[in-house]
Amino acid sequence: MRFSFLPVIVLMMPILEIAGFIVVGKALGLWLTLALILFTSFLGLVILRSGGLGMVRNLQTASRSGDEPAQAMINGGMRVIAGILLFVPGFITDVIGLLLLVPAFRTLIWKAIGPRIVVASSFKNQGFRTGPQNNGSAKVVVLDDDDFHRDGPNQSPWSANRDDRDLPKP
């Protein structure tokens, strides 16, 4: 059976945070320590608010350029985790959250976990196009006004069952 350190870390975290409060409180004083905790919590809220929108924007940019969206998702996710860690009171979580805001640290994490992430399909392989442009590669059928007609409001001229003409009209 494989031993995991995650439960040990989760159980030790409150003890380490209390020890961090005591050390910082002795060095800075009570009011400065409380002000620092409130400031990092406010900073975490600001990062959480902007992090979600930034992640959506980065995903859209990656999909438009045909890049793999995995790195954009991981970077955005790390920024959101950094905001959560900064919001949680405690100095150890604040240090981890501030490290996750540094792009070089996020790149280091991406290099460690990136090869393990597999994107099932990408927009580039599916022929995804944004906007109304047509470069001739897609099959487009252009119909004139007299090529398309509709016998009723709910009927299609391409319907396999043409016996639906006697259905009641809405």
N, C-alpha and C. Protein backbone atom coordinates (compact mmCIF):
# COMPACT_ATOMS: atom_id res chain seq x y z
N MET A 1 0.84 -1.17 0.00
CA MET A 1 0.00 0.00 0.00
C MET A 1 0.88 1.24 0.00
N ARG A 2 0.54 2.18 -0.85
CA ARG A 2 1.34 3.40 -1.00
C ARG A 2 0.93 4.43 0.03
N PHE A 3 1.92 5.06 0.67
CA PHE A 3 1.66 6.06 1.70
C PHE A 3 1.60 7.44 1.06
N SER A 4 0.59 8.21 1.42
CA SER A 4 0.42 9.55 0.89
C SER A 4 0.67 10.58 2.00
N PHE A 5 1.41 11.62 1.64
CA PHE A 5 1.70 12.68 2.62
C PHE A 5 0.60 13.73 2.68
N LEU A 6 -0.36 13.69 1.77
CA LEU A 6 -1.39 14.72 1.73
C LEU A 6 -2.22 14.79 3.02
N PRO A 7 -2.69 13.67 3.59
CA PRO A 7 -3.43 13.78 4.86
C PRO A 7 -2.57 14.33 6.00
N VAL A 8 -1.29 13.99 6.01
CA VAL A 8 -0.40 14.50 7.06
C VAL A 8 -0.24 16.01 6.91
N ILE A 9 -0.10 16.47 5.67
CA ILE A 9 0.05 17.91 5.43
C ILE A 9 -1.23 18.66 5.82
N VAL A 10 -2.38 18.09 5.48
CA VAL A 10 -3.65 18.73 5.81
C VAL A 10 -3.84 18.80 7.33
N LEU A 11 -3.44 17.76 8.05
CA LEU A 11 -3.57 17.78 9.50
C LEU A 11 -2.55 18.70 10.17
N MET A 12 -1.38 18.85 9.59
CA MET A 12 -0.33 19.69 10.19
C MET A 12 -0.50 21.17 9.85
N MET A 13 -1.27 21.47 8.81
CA MET A 13 -1.37 22.86 8.35
C MET A 13 -1.91 23.82 9.42
N PRO A 14 -2.97 23.50 10.15
CA PRO A 14 -3.42 24.44 11.20
C PRO A 14 -2.38 24.68 12.28
N ILE A 15 -1.63 23.64 12.64
CA ILE A 15 -0.60 23.81 13.66
C ILE A 15 0.51 24.72 13.14
N LEU A 16 0.90 24.52 11.88
CA LEU A 16 1.94 25.37 11.29
C LEU A 16 1.46 26.82 11.13
N GLU A 17 0.20 27.00 10.79
CA GLU A 17 -0.34 28.37 10.66
C GLU A 17 -0.38 29.08 12.01
N ILE A 18 -0.77 28.38 13.06
CA ILE A 18 -0.78 28.98 14.40
C ILE A 18 0.64 29.35 14.82
N ALA A 19 1.60 28.48 14.52
CA ALA A 19 3.00 28.80 14.82
C ALA A 19 3.46 30.01 14.02
N GLY A 20 3.01 30.12 12.76
CA GLY A 20 3.34 31.29 11.95
C GLY A 20 2.75 32.56 12.53
N PHE A 21 1.50 32.50 13.03
CA PHE A 21 0.89 33.67 13.68
C PHE A 21 1.69 34.10 14.90
N ILE A 22 2.16 33.14 15.66
CA ILE A 22 2.92 33.47 16.88
C ILE A 22 4.25 34.12 16.52
N VAL A 23 4.95 33.57 15.54
CA VAL A 23 6.26 34.11 15.14
C VAL A 23 6.11 35.51 14.56
N VAL A 24 5.16 35.69 13.64
CA VAL A 24 4.97 37.01 13.01
C VAL A 24 4.41 38.00 14.03
N GLY A 25 3.53 37.54 14.92
CA GLY A 25 2.98 38.43 15.95
C GLY A 25 4.05 38.93 16.90
N LYS A 26 5.01 38.09 17.26
CA LYS A 26 6.11 38.53 18.12
C LYS A 26 7.02 39.52 17.40
N ALA A 27 7.22 39.30 16.08
CA ALA A 27 8.13 40.17 15.34
C ALA A 27 7.49 41.51 14.99
N LEU A 28 6.20 41.54 14.60
CA LEU A 28 5.57 42.76 14.12
C LEU A 28 4.61 43.40 15.12
N GLY A 29 4.08 42.64 16.03
CA GLY A 29 3.08 43.16 16.94
C GLY A 29 1.69 42.73 16.49
N LEU A 30 0.73 42.87 17.41
CA LEU A 30 -0.62 42.40 17.16
C LEU A 30 -1.31 43.14 16.02
N TRP A 31 -1.31 44.48 16.06
CA TRP A 31 -2.09 45.24 15.08
C TRP A 31 -1.52 45.15 13.67
N LEU A 32 -0.21 45.15 13.56
CA LEU A 32 0.39 45.01 12.24
C LEU A 32 0.17 43.60 11.66
N THR A 33 0.17 42.61 12.54
CA THR A 33 -0.11 41.24 12.09
C THR A 33 -1.55 41.13 11.60
N LEU A 34 -2.50 41.69 12.33
CA LEU A 34 -3.90 41.67 11.90
C LEU A 34 -4.10 42.46 10.60
N ALA A 35 -3.41 43.59 10.48
CA ALA A 35 -3.52 44.38 9.25
C ALA A 35 -2.95 43.60 8.06
N LEU A 36 -1.88 42.88 8.27
CA LEU A 36 -1.28 42.08 7.20
C LEU A 36 -2.22 40.95 6.77
N ILE A 37 -2.88 40.33 7.73
CA ILE A 37 -3.84 39.26 7.41
C ILE A 37 -5.02 39.83 6.64
N LEU A 38 -5.55 40.98 7.06
CA LEU A 38 -6.67 41.59 6.34
C LEU A 38 -6.25 42.03 4.93
N PHE A 39 -5.04 42.55 4.79
CA PHE A 39 -4.57 42.98 3.47
C PHE A 39 -4.45 41.79 2.52
N THR A 40 -3.87 40.69 2.99
CA THR A 40 -3.72 39.53 2.10
C THR A 40 -5.07 38.91 1.77
N SER A 41 -6.03 38.96 2.70
CA SER A 41 -7.37 38.46 2.39
C SER A 41 -8.04 39.32 1.33
N PHE A 42 -7.89 40.64 1.44
CA PHE A 42 -8.45 41.54 0.42
C PHE A 42 -7.76 41.31 -0.93
N LEU A 43 -6.45 41.14 -0.91
CA LEU A 43 -5.71 40.84 -2.13
C LEU A 43 -6.18 39.53 -2.76
N GLY A 44 -6.47 38.54 -1.94
CA GLY A 44 -6.99 37.27 -2.44
C GLY A 44 -8.34 37.44 -3.11
N LEU A 45 -9.22 38.28 -2.54
CA LEU A 45 -10.51 38.54 -3.16
C LEU A 45 -10.37 39.23 -4.51
N VAL A 46 -9.44 40.18 -4.60
CA VAL A 46 -9.21 40.88 -5.86
C VAL A 46 -8.69 39.92 -6.92
N ILE A 47 -7.78 39.05 -6.53
CA ILE A 47 -7.22 38.08 -7.48
C ILE A 47 -8.28 37.07 -7.90
N LEU A 48 -9.13 36.64 -6.98
CA LEU A 48 -10.21 35.73 -7.35
C LEU A 48 -11.17 36.38 -8.33
N ARG A 49 -11.47 37.64 -8.12
CA ARG A 49 -12.41 38.33 -9.01
C ARG A 49 -11.83 38.47 -10.42
N SER A 50 -10.57 38.86 -10.51
CA SER A 50 -9.96 39.04 -11.83
C SER A 50 -9.46 37.73 -12.42
N GLY A 51 -9.19 36.74 -11.59
CA GLY A 51 -8.63 35.48 -12.08
C GLY A 51 -9.57 34.69 -12.96
N GLY A 52 -10.85 34.65 -12.60
CA GLY A 52 -11.81 33.90 -13.40
C GLY A 52 -11.99 34.50 -14.78
N LEU A 53 -12.11 35.82 -14.84
CA LEU A 53 -12.26 36.48 -16.14
C LEU A 53 -11.00 36.35 -16.98
N GLY A 54 -9.85 36.43 -16.33
CA GLY A 54 -8.59 36.27 -17.06
C GLY A 54 -8.43 34.87 -17.63
N MET A 55 -8.90 33.87 -16.88
CA MET A 55 -8.80 32.50 -17.36
C MET A 55 -9.70 32.30 -18.58
N VAL A 56 -10.91 32.86 -18.54
CA VAL A 56 -11.81 32.74 -19.69
C VAL A 56 -11.20 33.43 -20.91
N ARG A 57 -10.62 34.60 -20.69
CA ARG A 57 -9.99 35.34 -21.80
C ARG A 57 -8.82 34.56 -22.38
N ASN A 58 -8.00 33.95 -21.54
CA ASN A 58 -6.86 33.17 -22.03
C ASN A 58 -7.32 31.91 -22.76
N LEU A 59 -8.40 31.28 -22.30
CA LEU A 59 -8.93 30.12 -23.01
C LEU A 59 -9.46 30.50 -24.38
N GLN A 60 -10.12 31.64 -24.48
CA GLN A 60 -10.61 32.10 -25.77
C GLN A 60 -9.46 32.39 -26.72
N THR A 61 -8.41 33.02 -26.21
CA THR A 61 -7.25 33.32 -27.04
C THR A 61 -6.58 32.03 -27.52
N ALA A 62 -6.46 31.05 -26.63
CA ALA A 62 -5.84 29.78 -27.02
C ALA A 62 -6.69 29.04 -28.05
N SER A 63 -8.00 29.12 -27.91
CA SER A 63 -8.85 28.41 -28.87
C SER A 63 -8.85 29.10 -30.23
N ARG A 64 -8.75 30.42 -30.25
CA ARG A 64 -8.71 31.14 -31.52
C ARG A 64 -7.41 30.88 -32.28
N SER A 65 -6.32 30.77 -31.55
CA SER A 65 -5.03 30.56 -32.21
C SER A 65 -4.77 29.09 -32.50
N GLY A 66 -5.61 28.20 -32.02
CA GLY A 66 -5.44 26.78 -32.27
C GLY A 66 -4.48 26.11 -31.32
N ASP A 67 -4.06 26.81 -30.26
CA ASP A 67 -3.15 26.22 -29.28
C ASP A 67 -3.91 25.28 -28.36
N GLU A 68 -3.15 24.47 -27.65
CA GLU A 68 -3.74 23.59 -26.65
C GLU A 68 -4.23 24.44 -25.48
N PRO A 69 -5.46 24.28 -25.05
CA PRO A 69 -5.97 25.11 -23.95
C PRO A 69 -5.53 24.64 -22.58
N ALA A 70 -4.79 23.54 -22.49
CA ALA A 70 -4.43 22.98 -21.19
C ALA A 70 -3.56 23.94 -20.38
N GLN A 71 -2.55 24.55 -21.02
CA GLN A 71 -1.68 25.45 -20.28
C GLN A 71 -2.42 26.69 -19.82
N ALA A 72 -3.33 27.20 -20.64
CA ALA A 72 -4.12 28.37 -20.24
C ALA A 72 -5.03 28.02 -19.06
N MET A 73 -5.58 26.80 -19.07
CA MET A 73 -6.43 26.38 -17.96
C MET A 73 -5.63 26.21 -16.68
N ILE A 74 -4.46 25.60 -16.80
CA ILE A 74 -3.63 25.38 -15.61
C ILE A 74 -3.15 26.71 -15.02
N ASN A 75 -2.70 27.63 -15.89
CA ASN A 75 -2.26 28.94 -15.39
C ASN A 75 -3.40 29.68 -14.71
N GLY A 76 -4.58 29.67 -15.33
CA GLY A 76 -5.73 30.33 -14.71
C GLY A 76 -6.13 29.65 -13.42
N GLY A 77 -6.09 28.33 -13.42
CA GLY A 77 -6.42 27.59 -12.20
C GLY A 77 -5.44 27.87 -11.07
N MET A 78 -4.16 28.02 -11.41
CA MET A 78 -3.17 28.33 -10.37
C MET A 78 -3.38 29.73 -9.82
N ARG A 79 -3.80 30.67 -10.67
CA ARG A 79 -4.11 32.02 -10.17
C ARG A 79 -5.33 32.00 -9.25
N VAL A 80 -6.33 31.20 -9.59
CA VAL A 80 -7.51 31.09 -8.73
C VAL A 80 -7.13 30.43 -7.40
N ILE A 81 -6.30 29.40 -7.44
CA ILE A 81 -5.84 28.76 -6.20
C ILE A 81 -5.03 29.74 -5.37
N ALA A 82 -4.22 30.57 -6.04
CA ALA A 82 -3.44 31.58 -5.32
C ALA A 82 -4.38 32.55 -4.62
N GLY A 83 -5.46 32.96 -5.28
CA GLY A 83 -6.43 33.86 -4.64
C GLY A 83 -7.09 33.22 -3.44
N ILE A 84 -7.42 31.94 -3.55
CA ILE A 84 -8.03 31.23 -2.41
C ILE A 84 -7.05 31.13 -1.26
N LEU A 85 -5.79 30.79 -1.57
CA LEU A 85 -4.79 30.67 -0.50
C LEU A 85 -4.50 32.01 0.16
N LEU A 86 -4.54 33.10 -0.61
CA LEU A 86 -4.35 34.41 -0.01
C LEU A 86 -5.55 34.83 0.84
N PHE A 87 -6.73 34.40 0.46
CA PHE A 87 -7.93 34.76 1.21
C PHE A 87 -7.98 34.05 2.56
N VAL A 88 -7.49 32.81 2.60
CA VAL A 88 -7.48 32.04 3.85
C VAL A 88 -6.48 32.67 4.80
N PRO A 89 -6.89 32.95 6.04
CA PRO A 89 -5.95 33.57 6.98
C PRO A 89 -4.80 32.62 7.33
N GLY A 90 -3.62 33.13 7.24
CA GLY A 90 -2.44 32.34 7.58
C GLY A 90 -1.27 32.78 6.72
N PHE A 91 -0.07 32.70 7.29
CA PHE A 91 1.09 33.19 6.57
C PHE A 91 1.71 32.14 5.65
N ILE A 92 1.59 30.89 5.99
CA ILE A 92 2.14 29.84 5.12
C ILE A 92 1.32 29.76 3.83
N THR A 93 0.00 29.80 3.97
CA THR A 93 -0.84 29.80 2.77
C THR A 93 -0.63 31.07 1.95
N ASP A 94 -0.34 32.19 2.62
CA ASP A 94 -0.05 33.43 1.89
C ASP A 94 1.23 33.32 1.07
N VAL A 95 2.25 32.69 1.65
CA VAL A 95 3.52 32.53 0.92
C VAL A 95 3.31 31.62 -0.30
N ILE A 96 2.56 30.53 -0.12
CA ILE A 96 2.29 29.63 -1.25
C ILE A 96 1.47 30.35 -2.31
N GLY A 97 0.47 31.13 -1.87
CA GLY A 97 -0.35 31.89 -2.81
C GLY A 97 0.45 32.92 -3.57
N LEU A 98 1.35 33.62 -2.90
CA LEU A 98 2.20 34.61 -3.58
C LEU A 98 3.16 33.94 -4.56
N LEU A 99 3.65 32.75 -4.21
CA LEU A 99 4.51 32.01 -5.15
C LEU A 99 3.75 31.62 -6.41
N LEU A 100 2.46 31.25 -6.24
CA LEU A 100 1.66 30.87 -7.40
C LEU A 100 1.34 32.06 -8.31
N LEU A 101 1.51 33.26 -7.83
CA LEU A 101 1.30 34.44 -8.66
C LEU A 101 2.51 34.77 -9.53
N VAL A 102 3.66 34.20 -9.21
CA VAL A 102 4.88 34.47 -9.98
C VAL A 102 4.86 33.61 -11.24
N PRO A 103 4.92 34.22 -12.44
CA PRO A 103 4.85 33.42 -13.68
C PRO A 103 5.96 32.39 -13.81
N ALA A 104 7.16 32.68 -13.33
CA ALA A 104 8.25 31.71 -13.43
C ALA A 104 7.95 30.47 -12.58
N PHE A 105 7.34 30.65 -11.43
CA PHE A 105 6.97 29.52 -10.57
C PHE A 105 5.86 28.69 -11.21
N ARG A 106 4.89 29.37 -11.84
CA ARG A 106 3.83 28.66 -12.54
C ARG A 106 4.40 27.87 -13.73
N THR A 107 5.37 28.45 -14.43
CA THR A 107 6.02 27.74 -15.53
C THR A 107 6.76 26.51 -15.03
N LEU A 108 7.41 26.63 -13.89
CA LEU A 108 8.10 25.49 -13.28
C LEU A 108 7.12 24.38 -12.94
N ILE A 109 5.97 24.75 -12.38
CA ILE A 109 4.95 23.75 -12.06
C ILE A 109 4.40 23.14 -13.34
N TRP A 110 4.19 23.98 -14.38
CA TRP A 110 3.68 23.46 -15.66
C TRP A 110 4.65 22.45 -16.27
N LYS A 111 5.95 22.73 -16.16
CA LYS A 111 6.94 21.79 -16.70
C LYS A 111 6.92 20.47 -15.93
N ALA A 112 6.56 20.54 -14.65
CA ALA A 112 6.52 19.31 -13.85
C ALA A 112 5.26 18.50 -14.12
N ILE A 113 4.11 19.17 -14.28
CA ILE A 113 2.86 18.42 -14.44
C ILE A 113 2.35 18.42 -15.88
N GLY A 114 2.89 19.26 -16.74
CA GLY A 114 2.42 19.37 -18.12
C GLY A 114 2.46 18.08 -18.92
N PRO A 115 3.56 17.31 -18.84
CA PRO A 115 3.59 16.06 -19.62
C PRO A 115 2.55 15.04 -19.19
N ARG A 116 2.01 15.17 -18.00
CA ARG A 116 1.01 14.22 -17.51
C ARG A 116 -0.41 14.59 -17.95
N ILE A 117 -0.59 15.78 -18.49
CA ILE A 117 -1.92 16.26 -18.88
C ILE A 117 -2.14 15.97 -20.35
N VAL A 118 -3.26 15.34 -20.64
CA VAL A 118 -3.62 15.00 -22.01
C VAL A 118 -4.92 15.71 -22.35
N VAL A 119 -4.91 16.45 -23.44
CA VAL A 119 -6.13 17.10 -23.92
C VAL A 119 -6.75 16.16 -24.94
N ALA A 120 -8.01 15.79 -24.73
CA ALA A 120 -8.66 14.79 -25.57
C ALA A 120 -8.78 15.25 -27.01
N SER A 121 -9.15 16.48 -27.22
CA SER A 121 -9.25 17.01 -28.58
C SER A 121 -8.94 18.48 -28.52
N SER A 122 -8.44 18.98 -29.62
CA SER A 122 -8.14 20.41 -29.67
C SER A 122 -9.00 21.04 -30.74
N PHE A 123 -9.14 22.34 -30.67
CA PHE A 123 -9.97 23.06 -31.63
C PHE A 123 -9.35 23.01 -33.02
N LYS A 124 -8.04 22.95 -33.08
CA LYS A 124 -7.36 22.94 -34.37
C LYS A 124 -7.71 21.68 -35.17
N ASN A 125 -7.77 20.54 -34.50
CA ASN A 125 -8.03 19.29 -35.19
C ASN A 125 -9.48 19.13 -35.59
N GLN A 126 -10.38 19.85 -34.95
CA GLN A 126 -11.80 19.71 -35.25
C GLN A 126 -12.26 20.68 -36.33
N GLY A 127 -11.37 21.48 -36.86
CA GLY A 127 -11.77 22.43 -37.89
C GLY A 127 -12.57 23.59 -37.32
N PHE A 128 -12.31 23.94 -36.09
CA PHE A 128 -13.03 25.01 -35.44
C PHE A 128 -12.64 26.34 -36.05
N ARG A 129 -13.61 27.13 -36.42
CA ARG A 129 -13.36 28.44 -37.02
C ARG A 129 -14.13 29.48 -36.21
N THR A 130 -13.53 30.61 -36.04
CA THR A 130 -14.22 31.69 -35.36
C THR A 130 -14.61 32.73 -36.38
N GLY A 131 -15.78 33.26 -36.23
CA GLY A 131 -16.22 34.34 -37.11
C GLY A 131 -16.77 33.84 -38.43
N PRO A 132 -17.20 34.76 -39.28
CA PRO A 132 -17.87 34.38 -40.53
C PRO A 132 -16.95 34.10 -41.70
N GLN A 133 -15.62 34.14 -41.50
CA GLN A 133 -14.72 33.98 -42.64
C GLN A 133 -14.79 32.57 -43.19
N ASN A 134 -14.56 32.44 -44.50
CA ASN A 134 -14.54 31.14 -45.16
C ASN A 134 -13.35 31.14 -46.11
N ASN A 135 -12.42 30.24 -45.87
CA ASN A 135 -11.23 30.19 -46.72
C ASN A 135 -11.34 29.14 -47.81
N GLY A 136 -12.52 28.62 -48.06
CA GLY A 136 -12.71 27.66 -49.12
C GLY A 136 -12.56 26.22 -48.68
N SER A 137 -12.08 25.97 -47.47
CA SER A 137 -11.89 24.59 -47.04
C SER A 137 -13.18 23.97 -46.52
N ALA A 138 -14.12 24.79 -46.05
CA ALA A 138 -15.38 24.26 -45.53
C ALA A 138 -16.38 24.12 -46.67
N LYS A 139 -17.24 23.12 -46.58
CA LYS A 139 -18.27 22.93 -47.60
C LYS A 139 -19.44 23.83 -47.26
N VAL A 140 -19.69 24.81 -48.10
CA VAL A 140 -20.74 25.78 -47.87
C VAL A 140 -21.72 25.69 -49.02
N VAL A 141 -22.99 25.61 -48.69
CA VAL A 141 -24.03 25.60 -49.70
C VAL A 141 -24.68 26.97 -49.70
N VAL A 142 -24.64 27.63 -50.86
CA VAL A 142 -25.24 28.95 -50.98
C VAL A 142 -26.57 28.79 -51.71
N LEU A 143 -27.65 29.25 -51.08
CA LEU A 143 -28.99 29.13 -51.65
C LEU A 143 -29.50 30.51 -52.05
N ASP A 144 -30.17 30.55 -53.19
CA ASP A 144 -30.86 31.78 -53.58
C ASP A 144 -32.21 31.81 -52.90
N ASP A 145 -32.92 32.94 -53.06
CA ASP A 145 -34.23 33.07 -52.44
C ASP A 145 -35.23 32.06 -52.96
N ASP A 146 -35.16 31.72 -54.24
CA ASP A 146 -36.12 30.78 -54.80
C ASP A 146 -35.69 29.32 -54.60
N ASP A 147 -34.48 29.05 -54.13
CA ASP A 147 -34.03 27.69 -53.87
C ASP A 147 -34.60 27.14 -52.57
N PHE A 148 -34.89 27.99 -51.64
CA PHE A 148 -35.39 27.56 -50.33
C PHE A 148 -36.83 28.03 -50.18
N HIS A 149 -37.69 27.12 -49.81
CA HIS A 149 -39.07 27.48 -49.52
C HIS A 149 -39.55 26.64 -48.35
N ARG A 150 -40.50 27.16 -47.68
CA ARG A 150 -41.05 26.49 -46.51
C ARG A 150 -42.56 26.44 -46.70
N ASP A 151 -43.12 25.25 -46.56
CA ASP A 151 -44.55 25.10 -46.74
C ASP A 151 -45.35 25.58 -45.55
N GLY A 152 -44.74 25.59 -44.43
CA GLY A 152 -45.42 26.04 -43.21
C GLY A 152 -44.39 26.48 -42.20
N PRO A 153 -44.83 26.99 -41.06
CA PRO A 153 -43.87 27.51 -40.09
C PRO A 153 -43.02 26.43 -39.42
N ASN A 154 -43.50 25.19 -39.34
CA ASN A 154 -42.75 24.14 -38.64
C ASN A 154 -42.30 23.03 -39.58
N GLN A 155 -42.24 23.29 -40.87
CA GLN A 155 -41.90 22.23 -41.81
C GLN A 155 -40.61 22.55 -42.53
N SER A 156 -39.86 21.54 -42.81
CA SER A 156 -38.60 21.69 -43.51
C SER A 156 -38.74 21.07 -44.89
N PRO A 157 -38.23 21.72 -45.95
CA PRO A 157 -38.30 21.10 -47.27
C PRO A 157 -37.43 19.86 -47.39
N TRP A 158 -36.52 19.63 -46.45
CA TRP A 158 -35.64 18.46 -46.48
C TRP A 158 -36.13 17.34 -45.57
N SER A 159 -37.33 17.47 -45.06
CA SER A 159 -37.87 16.46 -44.16
C SER A 159 -38.02 15.14 -44.89
N ALA A 160 -37.63 14.05 -44.24
CA ALA A 160 -37.74 12.73 -44.84
C ALA A 160 -39.21 12.31 -44.93
N ASN A 161 -39.99 12.73 -43.97
CA ASN A 161 -41.41 12.39 -43.95
C ASN A 161 -42.19 13.62 -44.39
N ARG A 162 -42.61 13.62 -45.63
CA ARG A 162 -43.34 14.78 -46.17
C ARG A 162 -44.82 14.73 -45.82
N ASP A 163 -45.24 13.71 -45.05
CA ASP A 163 -46.65 13.59 -44.67
C ASP A 163 -47.00 14.47 -43.49
N ASP A 164 -46.07 15.30 -43.03
CA ASP A 164 -46.36 16.16 -41.89
C ASP A 164 -47.05 17.46 -42.31
N ARG A 165 -47.50 17.54 -43.55
CA ARG A 165 -48.14 18.77 -44.04
C ARG A 165 -49.52 18.97 -43.41
N ASP A 166 -50.16 17.89 -42.98
CA ASP A 166 -51.51 18.04 -42.44
C ASP A 166 -51.50 18.24 -40.92
N LEU A 167 -50.32 18.47 -40.33
CA LEU A 167 -50.27 18.74 -38.91
C LEU A 167 -50.89 20.08 -38.61
N PRO A 168 -51.51 20.23 -37.44
CA PRO A 168 -52.14 21.53 -37.12
C PRO A 168 -51.08 22.63 -37.02
N LYS A 169 -51.42 23.76 -37.52
CA LYS A 169 -50.53 24.93 -37.48
C LYS A 169 -50.61 25.56 -36.09
N PRO A 170 -49.51 26.04 -35.58
CA PRO A 170 -49.54 26.66 -34.24
C PRO A 170 -50.24 28.00 -34.25
